[in-house]
Protein backbone atom coordinates (compact mmCIF):
# COMPACT_ATOMS: atom_id res chain seq x y z
CA MET A 1 -9.70 2.26 140.95
CA ASN A 2 -10.83 1.54 144.49
CA ARG A 3 -12.61 4.46 146.10
CA PRO A 4 -12.43 5.03 149.87
CA LEU A 5 -15.46 4.24 151.96
CA TYR A 6 -17.19 7.07 153.79
CA ALA A 7 -18.34 7.13 157.39
CA ARG A 8 -22.02 7.01 156.45
CA GLN A 9 -21.36 3.89 154.35
CA LEU A 10 -19.75 2.22 157.38
CA ASN A 11 -22.52 3.49 159.67
CA VAL A 12 -20.09 5.37 161.92
CA ALA A 13 -19.71 9.04 162.86
CA GLY A 14 -16.93 11.12 164.33
CA CYS A 15 -17.63 13.09 167.51
CA LEU A 16 -17.01 16.79 166.88
CA THR A 17 -16.12 17.35 170.54
CA CYS A 18 -13.59 14.63 171.41
CA GLY A 19 -12.92 13.08 167.98
CA LEU A 20 -13.98 9.54 168.89
CA VAL A 21 -15.32 7.44 165.98
CA CYS A 22 -18.63 5.96 167.13
CA ARG A 23 -20.86 3.20 165.83
CA ASP A 24 -23.77 4.31 168.00
CA LEU A 25 -25.03 7.35 166.05
CA SER A 26 -27.07 8.85 168.89
CA ARG A 27 -24.54 10.01 171.50
CA CYS A 28 -20.79 9.78 171.94
CA PRO A 29 -20.01 7.16 174.62
CA ARG A 30 -16.94 9.13 175.76
CA CYS A 31 -18.26 12.69 176.21
CA ARG A 32 -22.02 12.19 175.70
CA THR A 33 -22.19 14.76 172.88
CA ARG A 34 -25.11 14.29 170.50
CA LEU A 35 -23.83 13.00 167.15
CA HIS A 36 -24.88 14.29 163.74
CA ASP A 37 -24.14 12.99 160.27
CA ARG A 38 -23.91 16.66 159.25
CA ARG A 39 -24.05 19.83 161.33
CA SER A 40 -27.60 21.16 161.11
CA ASP A 41 -27.94 24.36 159.06
CA SER A 42 -24.16 24.57 158.77
CA LEU A 43 -24.12 26.64 155.58
CA VAL A 44 -26.85 29.04 156.72
CA ARG A 45 -25.21 29.75 160.07
CA SER A 46 -21.75 30.06 158.54
CA TRP A 47 -23.01 32.47 155.84
CA ALA A 48 -24.86 34.59 158.44
CA LEU A 49 -21.80 34.90 160.68
CA LEU A 50 -19.50 35.62 157.74
CA LEU A 51 -21.75 38.36 156.32
CA ALA A 52 -22.04 39.94 159.78
CA GLY A 53 -18.24 39.91 160.02
CA ILE A 54 -17.89 41.58 156.61
CA ILE A 55 -20.42 44.26 157.63
CA PHE A 56 -18.57 44.99 160.89
CA TYR A 57 -15.26 45.14 159.00
CA LEU A 58 -16.33 48.43 157.38
CA PRO A 59 -16.69 50.46 160.63
CA ALA A 60 -13.60 48.66 161.99
CA ASN A 61 -11.57 50.36 159.25
CA VAL A 62 -13.43 53.68 159.10
CA LEU A 63 -13.77 54.43 162.83
CA PRO A 64 -10.71 55.34 164.92
CA VAL A 65 -9.10 52.49 166.85
CA MET A 66 -7.06 54.64 169.23
CA HIS A 67 -6.58 58.19 170.48
CA THR A 68 -3.02 59.39 171.10
CA SER A 69 -2.10 62.46 173.13
CA LEU A 70 1.40 63.91 173.48
CA PHE A 71 2.18 67.11 175.41
CA GLY A 72 -1.51 67.99 175.48
CA LYS A 73 -1.98 67.59 171.72
CA GLY A 74 -3.64 64.50 170.35
CA GLY A 75 -5.63 62.91 167.60
CA GLU A 76 -7.50 59.79 166.63
CA SER A 77 -6.26 57.28 164.07
CA THR A 78 -7.82 54.45 162.11
CA ILE A 79 -6.11 51.11 161.48
CA MET A 80 -4.45 52.21 158.23
CA ALA A 81 -3.53 55.61 159.68
CA GLY A 82 -1.88 53.79 162.58
CA VAL A 83 0.05 51.56 160.17
CA ILE A 84 1.28 54.62 158.25
CA ASP A 85 2.22 56.46 161.48
CA PHE A 86 4.22 53.50 162.80
CA TRP A 87 5.94 53.09 159.42
CA ARG A 88 6.89 56.78 159.26
CA ALA A 89 8.17 56.60 162.84
CA GLY A 90 10.50 53.77 161.85
CA SER A 91 8.60 51.03 163.71
CA TYR A 92 8.45 48.81 160.64
CA GLY A 93 7.89 45.60 162.58
CA ILE A 94 4.82 46.91 164.44
CA ALA A 95 3.45 48.47 161.23
CA LEU A 96 3.85 45.17 159.38
CA VAL A 97 2.23 43.15 162.19
CA ILE A 98 -0.77 45.49 162.34
CA PHE A 99 -1.16 45.53 158.54
CA VAL A 100 -1.02 41.73 158.26
CA ALA A 101 -3.33 41.16 161.25
CA SER A 102 -5.80 43.92 160.31
CA VAL A 103 -5.95 43.75 156.51
CA VAL A 104 -4.28 40.67 155.03
CA ILE A 105 -5.60 38.01 157.42
CA PRO A 106 -9.25 39.22 157.59
CA CYS A 107 -9.49 39.61 153.79
CA MET A 108 -7.90 36.20 153.29
CA LYS A 109 -10.37 34.65 155.74
CA PHE A 110 -13.32 36.34 154.01
CA LEU A 111 -12.27 35.08 150.57
CA SER A 112 -11.42 31.59 151.83
CA LEU A 113 -14.74 31.15 153.65
CA ILE A 114 -16.69 32.47 150.65
CA LEU A 115 -14.89 29.95 148.44
CA LEU A 116 -15.65 27.08 150.83
CA LEU A 117 -19.30 28.04 151.25
CA VAL A 118 -20.01 28.59 147.55
CA ALA A 119 -18.32 25.32 146.57
CA SER A 120 -20.25 23.42 149.26
CA GLN A 121 -23.56 24.95 148.20
CA ARG A 122 -22.93 23.80 144.64
CA ARG A 123 -21.83 20.35 145.87
CA SER A 124 -18.71 20.83 143.79
CA ALA A 125 -16.09 18.11 143.45
CA TRP A 126 -13.47 20.69 142.40
CA ALA A 127 -10.14 20.68 144.31
CA MET A 128 -11.49 18.95 147.40
CA PRO A 129 -8.09 18.20 149.04
CA GLU A 130 -7.02 21.81 148.46
CA ARG A 131 -10.28 23.10 149.96
CA ALA A 132 -9.72 20.89 153.01
CA ARG A 133 -6.27 22.45 153.45
CA ILE A 134 -7.77 25.93 153.07
CA TYR A 135 -10.27 25.12 155.83
CA ARG A 136 -7.51 23.92 158.17
CA LEU A 137 -5.52 27.08 157.40
CA VAL A 138 -8.50 29.34 158.14
CA GLU A 139 -9.17 27.46 161.37
CA GLY A 140 -5.52 27.65 162.38
CA ILE A 141 -4.94 31.37 161.77
CA GLY A 142 -8.15 32.27 163.59
CA TYR A 143 -6.28 32.12 166.88
CA TRP A 144 -3.79 34.75 165.67
CA SER A 145 -6.38 37.21 164.38
CA MET A 146 -6.45 39.18 167.63
CA LEU A 147 -2.89 40.43 167.07
CA ASP A 148 -4.13 43.91 166.14
CA VAL A 149 -6.18 44.21 169.32
CA VAL A 150 -3.23 42.94 171.37
CA VAL A 151 -0.86 45.45 169.74
CA VAL A 152 -3.18 48.38 170.54
CA ALA A 153 -3.56 47.15 174.12
CA ALA A 154 0.21 46.72 174.50
CA VAL A 155 0.97 50.15 173.04
CA SER A 156 -1.66 51.70 175.32
CA ALA A 157 -0.15 50.03 178.39
CA LEU A 158 3.43 51.01 177.49
CA VAL A 159 2.62 54.63 176.73
CA GLN A 160 0.78 55.07 180.04
CA PHE A 161 4.15 54.88 181.79
CA GLN A 162 5.08 58.19 180.18
CA THR A 163 3.42 60.99 182.13
CA LEU A 164 3.16 63.41 179.19
CA SER A 165 1.55 61.03 176.71
CA THR A 166 -1.51 58.78 176.64
CA VAL A 167 -3.06 56.26 174.26
CA GLU A 168 -6.68 55.19 174.58
CA PRO A 169 -8.60 52.59 172.55
CA ARG A 170 -11.61 53.79 170.52
CA SER A 171 -14.74 52.19 169.07
CA GLY A 172 -13.04 50.90 165.93
CA ILE A 173 -11.12 48.31 167.95
CA LEU A 174 -14.42 46.96 169.30
CA PHE A 175 -15.75 46.41 165.78
CA PHE A 176 -12.49 44.75 164.76
CA GLY A 177 -12.74 42.42 167.74
CA LEU A 178 -16.26 41.53 166.64
CA VAL A 179 -14.99 40.81 163.12
CA VAL A 180 -12.41 38.39 164.52
CA ILE A 181 -14.97 36.62 166.70
CA LEU A 182 -17.59 36.39 163.93
CA THR A 183 -15.15 34.96 161.37
CA MET A 184 -13.93 32.41 163.92
CA LEU A 185 -17.53 31.40 164.67
CA SER A 186 -18.25 31.21 160.93
CA ALA A 187 -15.35 28.79 160.45
CA MET A 188 -16.51 26.78 163.45
CA ALA A 189 -20.09 26.63 162.14
CA TYR A 190 -18.94 25.34 158.77
CA ASP A 191 -19.00 21.55 158.53
CA PRO A 192 -15.79 20.48 156.72
CA ARG A 193 -17.46 17.18 155.79
CA LEU A 194 -19.45 19.19 153.24
CA ILE A 195 -16.25 19.55 151.23
CA TRP A 196 -16.45 15.87 150.26
CA GLN A 197 -20.15 15.66 149.42
CA GLY A 198 -19.42 16.28 145.73
CA ASP A 199 -17.42 13.06 145.71
CA ASP A 200 -20.32 11.30 147.44
CA ASP A 201 -22.65 12.27 144.59
CA GLU A 202 -20.50 10.80 141.84
């Protein structure tokens, strides 16, 4: 069975900025970005950013994300408390969006990145096409991870129009925003070419 040739065997490299395949392995002739066969310290930087995101995820769920006040009476609510309140109020769509964006997507990204990083550290040849699809999925949904922050901001803006009620963001939303940014940076720091290094070793 004929095996595909790899870029390093052909002495070419793909530019990570503009995507041009280059034979000169020093700088990209199109955008002048410095080329690398592998991103330096990719696993270390990706692990560090991922662990920081997991750490910040704890206060993001424990601390209140918004303070609501109606007719002079108010209280603070966490992410899950907000989901429950919206559900009980009949706003099932908003509750579902917040739950998916705040719980399902972050946990899925954590597990997916851990899987990618552990497999790359072990130079595993297991399920490489599937791992490549997981990486593209994680990279793609990263842009939608701010939905929870957007929902809180939108609710705050809408409620301000009512003179007897107010909604204000709290510190929990800041930590959640940091979680989103850190997981996005972790995915960006990860070099997807490491997925195929197990096949290189065979």
